[in-house]
N, C-alpha and C. Protein backbone atom coordinates (compact mmCIF):
# COMPACT_ATOMS: atom_id res chain seq x y z
N ASP A 1 4.89 -4.22 68.54
CA ASP A 1 3.52 -3.70 68.20
C ASP A 1 2.84 -4.96 68.51
N GLN A 2 1.55 -4.86 69.55
CA GLN A 2 0.81 -6.42 69.88
C GLN A 2 0.85 -6.97 69.36
N VAL A 3 0.44 -6.65 67.66
CA VAL A 3 -0.31 -8.12 67.26
C VAL A 3 1.18 -8.96 66.60
N PHE A 4 2.01 -8.19 66.51
CA PHE A 4 3.29 -8.71 66.49
C PHE A 4 3.66 -9.86 67.31
N ALA A 5 3.83 -8.88 68.43
CA ALA A 5 4.32 -9.85 69.53
C ALA A 5 3.21 -11.03 70.08
N GLU A 6 1.95 -10.51 69.57
CA GLU A 6 1.10 -11.69 70.44
C GLU A 6 1.27 -13.50 69.20
N ALA A 7 1.16 -12.61 67.86
CA ALA A 7 1.81 -13.79 66.63
C ALA A 7 3.11 -14.88 67.46
N ILE A 8 3.95 -14.21 67.94
CA ILE A 8 5.73 -14.69 68.15
C ILE A 8 5.01 -15.66 69.49
N ALA A 9 4.27 -14.75 70.51
CA ALA A 9 3.60 -15.69 71.48
C ALA A 9 3.09 -17.11 70.98
N ARG A 10 2.30 -16.53 69.93
CA ARG A 10 1.26 -18.02 69.73
C ARG A 10 2.24 -19.11 69.04
N VAL A 11 3.27 -18.88 67.84
CA VAL A 11 4.14 -19.32 67.36
C VAL A 11 5.15 -20.39 68.08
N ALA A 12 5.14 -19.38 68.88
CA ALA A 12 6.23 -20.70 70.70
C ALA A 12 5.42 -21.53 71.02
N ALA A 13 4.49 -20.53 71.39
CA ALA A 13 3.05 -22.00 72.03
C ALA A 13 3.06 -22.73 71.02
N ALA A 14 3.10 -22.75 69.74
CA ALA A 14 2.55 -23.96 69.00
C ALA A 14 4.06 -25.23 68.60
N ASN A 15 5.17 -24.73 69.10
CA ASN A 15 6.06 -24.92 68.90
C ASN A 15 6.67 -26.23 69.66
N ASP A 16 6.51 -27.43 69.44
CA ASP A 16 6.61 -28.73 70.44
C ASP A 16 7.97 -28.95 71.08
N GLY A 17 9.03 -27.89 71.05
CA GLY A 17 9.97 -27.97 71.86
C GLY A 17 11.63 -28.75 70.84
N GLN A 18 10.64 -27.95 69.81
CA GLN A 18 11.96 -28.71 68.73
C GLN A 18 12.77 -27.42 68.51
N LYS A 19 14.36 -27.39 68.86
CA LYS A 19 15.07 -26.19 68.57
C LYS A 19 14.88 -25.34 67.02
N ILE A 20 14.68 -24.14 67.33
CA ILE A 20 14.10 -23.18 65.62
C ILE A 20 15.05 -22.19 66.16
N THR A 21 15.48 -21.96 64.55
CA THR A 21 16.36 -20.53 64.29
C THR A 21 15.16 -19.63 64.87
N VAL A 22 16.01 -18.02 64.63
CA VAL A 22 14.86 -16.81 64.76
C VAL A 22 14.65 -16.46 63.76
N PHE A 23 15.59 -17.11 62.32
CA PHE A 23 14.37 -16.86 61.27
C PHE A 23 13.26 -17.52 61.06
N GLU A 24 13.23 -19.15 61.32
CA GLU A 24 12.21 -20.00 61.15
C GLU A 24 11.16 -19.46 62.19
N ILE A 25 11.36 -18.77 62.94
CA ILE A 25 10.48 -18.20 63.67
C ILE A 25 9.37 -17.01 63.34
N LEU A 26 10.57 -16.03 62.84
CA LEU A 26 10.09 -14.82 62.07
C LEU A 26 9.36 -14.88 60.75
N THR A 27 9.65 -16.29 60.35
CA THR A 27 8.86 -17.16 59.14
C THR A 27 7.91 -17.63 59.63
N ALA A 28 7.20 -17.95 60.51
CA ALA A 28 6.15 -18.91 60.94
C ALA A 28 4.83 -17.69 61.15
N VAL A 29 6.10 -16.70 62.06
CA VAL A 29 5.28 -15.65 62.14
C VAL A 29 4.59 -14.76 61.22
N THR A 30 5.54 -15.01 59.95
CA THR A 30 5.13 -14.21 59.01
C THR A 30 3.82 -14.64 58.23
N PHE A 31 3.88 -15.95 57.95
CA PHE A 31 2.98 -16.78 57.46
C PHE A 31 1.82 -16.74 58.50
N LEU A 32 1.65 -16.65 59.80
CA LEU A 32 0.36 -16.76 60.41
C LEU A 32 -0.23 -15.37 60.15
N LEU A 33 0.48 -13.88 60.11
CA LEU A 33 -0.06 -13.00 60.02
C LEU A 33 -0.68 -12.26 58.87
N PHE A 34 -0.35 -13.18 57.56
CA PHE A 34 -0.82 -13.58 56.19
C PHE A 34 -1.97 -14.35 55.85
N ALA A 35 -2.08 -14.84 56.65
CA ALA A 35 -2.76 -15.52 56.69
C ALA A 35 -4.13 -14.88 57.70
N GLU A 36 -4.25 -14.43 58.67
CA GLU A 36 -5.01 -13.97 59.20
C GLU A 36 -5.06 -12.19 58.96
N HIS A 37 -4.58 -11.92 57.70
CA HIS A 37 -4.29 -10.44 57.41
C HIS A 37 -3.87 -10.76 56.21
N PRO A 38 -4.81 -11.47 55.13
CA PRO A 38 -4.75 -11.46 53.57
C PRO A 38 -3.76 -10.28 53.08
N ALA A 39 -2.97 -10.53 51.95
CA ALA A 39 -2.60 -9.20 51.03
C ALA A 39 -3.04 -10.08 49.58
N GLU A 40 -2.87 -9.05 48.87
CA GLU A 40 -3.25 -9.63 47.14
C GLU A 40 -2.12 -10.39 46.90
N ALA A 41 -0.55 -9.59 47.24
CA ALA A 41 0.18 -10.36 47.10
C ALA A 41 1.38 -10.22 48.38
N ALA A 42 2.16 -10.98 48.12
CA ALA A 42 3.47 -10.96 49.19
C ALA A 42 5.06 -11.33 48.73
N ILE A 43 5.96 -11.00 48.86
CA ILE A 43 6.96 -11.19 48.33
C ILE A 43 7.92 -11.84 49.69
N ILE A 44 8.03 -13.32 49.31
CA ILE A 44 8.66 -13.94 50.54
C ILE A 44 10.17 -14.24 50.30
N GLU A 45 10.97 -13.44 50.85
CA GLU A 45 12.72 -14.14 50.30
C GLU A 45 13.16 -14.98 51.05
N VAL A 46 13.68 -16.25 50.25
CA VAL A 46 14.50 -17.21 51.15
C VAL A 46 15.40 -16.25 52.16
N GLY A 47 15.78 -17.41 52.90
CA GLY A 47 16.93 -16.52 53.98
C GLY A 47 18.33 -17.53 53.40
N LEU A 48 18.18 -18.23 53.66
CA LEU A 48 19.56 -19.29 53.00
C LEU A 48 19.46 -20.18 52.08
N GLY A 49 19.84 -20.08 50.69
CA GLY A 49 19.85 -21.09 49.53
C GLY A 49 18.07 -21.70 48.76
N GLY A 50 17.42 -22.19 49.39
CA GLY A 50 16.36 -22.44 49.02
C GLY A 50 15.64 -23.91 49.02
N ARG A 51 16.62 -24.78 48.86
CA ARG A 51 15.87 -26.36 49.34
C ARG A 51 15.43 -26.92 50.32
N PHE A 52 16.15 -26.43 51.71
CA PHE A 52 15.67 -26.37 52.84
C PHE A 52 15.56 -25.08 53.97
N ASP A 53 14.78 -24.29 52.94
CA ASP A 53 14.92 -22.92 53.60
C ASP A 53 13.19 -22.89 54.51
N ALA A 54 13.81 -22.28 55.32
CA ALA A 54 12.13 -22.43 56.10
C ALA A 54 10.65 -21.88 55.76
N THR A 55 11.08 -20.66 54.21
CA THR A 55 10.02 -20.40 53.34
C THR A 55 9.40 -21.09 52.20
N ASN A 56 10.34 -22.29 52.04
CA ASN A 56 10.26 -23.29 50.87
C ASN A 56 9.30 -24.05 51.32
N VAL A 57 7.87 -23.14 51.70
CA VAL A 57 6.66 -24.70 52.22
C VAL A 57 5.82 -24.04 51.41
N ILE A 58 5.33 -22.60 50.69
CA ILE A 58 4.43 -22.51 49.79
C ILE A 58 4.33 -23.47 48.72
N ALA A 59 3.37 -23.96 48.37
CA ALA A 59 2.87 -24.87 47.58
C ALA A 59 3.07 -24.68 46.01
N ARG A 60 2.26 -23.27 45.89
CA ARG A 60 1.92 -23.40 44.76
C ARG A 60 2.29 -21.66 44.61
N PRO A 61 3.59 -21.58 44.73
CA PRO A 61 3.84 -19.89 44.46
C PRO A 61 3.46 -18.99 42.93
N ALA A 62 3.15 -18.09 43.19
CA ALA A 62 2.66 -17.40 41.55
C ALA A 62 3.93 -17.51 40.78
N VAL A 63 5.22 -17.02 41.42
CA VAL A 63 6.31 -17.19 40.64
C VAL A 63 7.55 -17.28 41.44
N SER A 64 9.00 -17.85 40.69
CA SER A 64 10.01 -17.66 41.64
C SER A 64 11.04 -17.06 40.61
N VAL A 65 11.79 -16.40 41.93
CA VAL A 65 12.61 -15.68 41.01
C VAL A 65 14.21 -16.55 42.15
N ILE A 66 14.96 -16.41 41.28
CA ILE A 66 16.49 -16.62 41.42
C ILE A 66 17.48 -15.48 40.98
N MET A 67 17.77 -14.83 41.70
CA MET A 67 18.95 -14.11 41.75
C MET A 67 20.16 -14.24 41.14
N PRO A 68 21.43 -13.46 40.54
CA PRO A 68 22.41 -14.31 40.49
C PRO A 68 23.06 -15.23 41.33
N VAL A 69 23.47 -16.38 40.83
CA VAL A 69 24.46 -16.98 41.92
C VAL A 69 25.60 -16.30 41.61
N SER A 70 26.26 -16.11 43.02
CA SER A 70 27.96 -16.63 43.40
C SER A 70 27.97 -17.25 44.58
N MET A 71 29.36 -17.40 45.05
CA MET A 71 30.17 -18.12 45.76
C MET A 71 29.56 -16.92 47.30
N ASP A 72 28.56 -17.66 47.68
CA ASP A 72 28.12 -17.28 49.19
C ASP A 72 27.37 -18.60 49.76
N HIS A 73 28.01 -18.18 51.15
CA HIS A 73 27.14 -19.00 52.32
C HIS A 73 27.36 -20.44 51.81
N GLU A 74 29.08 -20.64 51.70
CA GLU A 74 29.67 -22.20 51.19
C GLU A 74 29.74 -22.82 52.19
N ALA A 75 29.61 -22.85 53.61
CA ALA A 75 29.68 -23.68 54.45
C ALA A 75 28.28 -24.62 54.43
N TYR A 76 27.30 -23.59 54.36
CA TYR A 76 25.68 -24.51 54.06
C TYR A 76 25.60 -24.82 52.77
N LEU A 77 25.92 -24.00 51.93
CA LEU A 77 25.57 -24.25 50.13
C LEU A 77 26.34 -25.14 49.29
N GLY A 78 27.51 -25.49 50.00
CA GLY A 78 28.60 -25.81 49.13
C GLY A 78 29.93 -25.21 48.52
N ASP A 79 30.35 -25.78 47.86
CA ASP A 79 31.73 -24.77 47.87
C ASP A 79 32.00 -24.58 45.85
N ARG A 80 31.06 -24.84 45.64
CA ARG A 80 31.26 -24.59 43.62
C ARG A 80 29.61 -24.20 44.03
N VAL A 81 29.62 -23.37 42.36
CA VAL A 81 28.30 -22.58 42.08
C VAL A 81 27.50 -23.73 41.48
N GLU A 82 28.06 -24.58 41.01
CA GLU A 82 26.91 -25.34 40.44
C GLU A 82 26.24 -26.31 41.83
N LEU A 83 27.16 -26.10 43.12
CA LEU A 83 26.38 -26.66 43.87
C LEU A 83 25.13 -25.40 44.84
N ILE A 84 25.48 -24.66 44.62
CA ILE A 84 25.00 -23.30 44.95
C ILE A 84 23.89 -23.14 44.31
N ALA A 85 24.10 -23.30 42.93
CA ALA A 85 22.59 -23.04 42.19
C ALA A 85 21.84 -24.09 42.31
N ALA A 86 21.90 -25.52 42.53
CA ALA A 86 21.18 -26.52 42.67
C ALA A 86 20.36 -26.36 44.25
N GLU A 87 21.37 -25.47 45.25
CA GLU A 87 20.45 -25.51 46.39
C GLU A 87 19.49 -24.63 46.32
N LYS A 88 19.56 -23.25 45.40
CA LYS A 88 18.67 -22.43 45.13
C LYS A 88 17.65 -23.10 44.08
N ALA A 89 17.97 -23.77 43.23
CA ALA A 89 17.05 -23.85 42.88
C ALA A 89 16.14 -24.78 43.12
N GLY A 90 15.83 -24.85 44.30
CA GLY A 90 15.21 -26.26 45.28
C GLY A 90 13.83 -25.39 45.61
N ILE A 91 14.04 -23.87 45.18
CA ILE A 91 12.48 -23.28 45.29
C ILE A 91 11.87 -23.54 44.18
N ILE A 92 12.24 -23.95 42.45
CA ILE A 92 11.17 -24.21 42.22
C ILE A 92 10.23 -25.31 42.35
N LYS A 93 9.17 -24.91 41.57
CA LYS A 93 8.30 -26.14 42.01
C LYS A 93 7.19 -26.08 40.53
N PRO A 94 6.63 -27.57 40.65
CA PRO A 94 6.17 -27.67 38.99
C PRO A 94 4.92 -26.51 38.41
N GLY A 95 5.04 -26.21 37.67
CA GLY A 95 4.06 -25.11 37.09
C GLY A 95 4.26 -23.85 37.41
N CYS A 96 5.37 -23.68 38.23
CA CYS A 96 5.46 -22.27 38.89
C CYS A 96 6.67 -21.60 37.85
N PRO A 97 5.76 -20.14 37.06
CA PRO A 97 7.66 -19.83 36.43
C PRO A 97 8.40 -19.56 37.30
N VAL A 98 9.79 -19.22 36.86
CA VAL A 98 10.73 -19.03 37.35
C VAL A 98 11.39 -18.12 36.38
N VAL A 99 11.89 -17.00 37.31
CA VAL A 99 12.79 -15.72 36.29
C VAL A 99 14.19 -15.69 37.41
């Protein structure tokens, strides 16, 4: 749709030549569109991990939800459940409830 295509073009124009992933572009487009078309609530799913994820820029989320931790994305998150859990816990912000 036109609004989405224009948002992608605006995000691409704002990028200063940094190499960014499709997920990062779509995350930026999502935040841009939410800023221009506010929603009462939005569920933002982390793409990979949490600590360094493109979605982990929300300063004061209403709540953070961490799904059961298992061995996944070991090449990026670590080769032990404890390491993966630590990466996923990176979405936790002070004063924010965690489920």
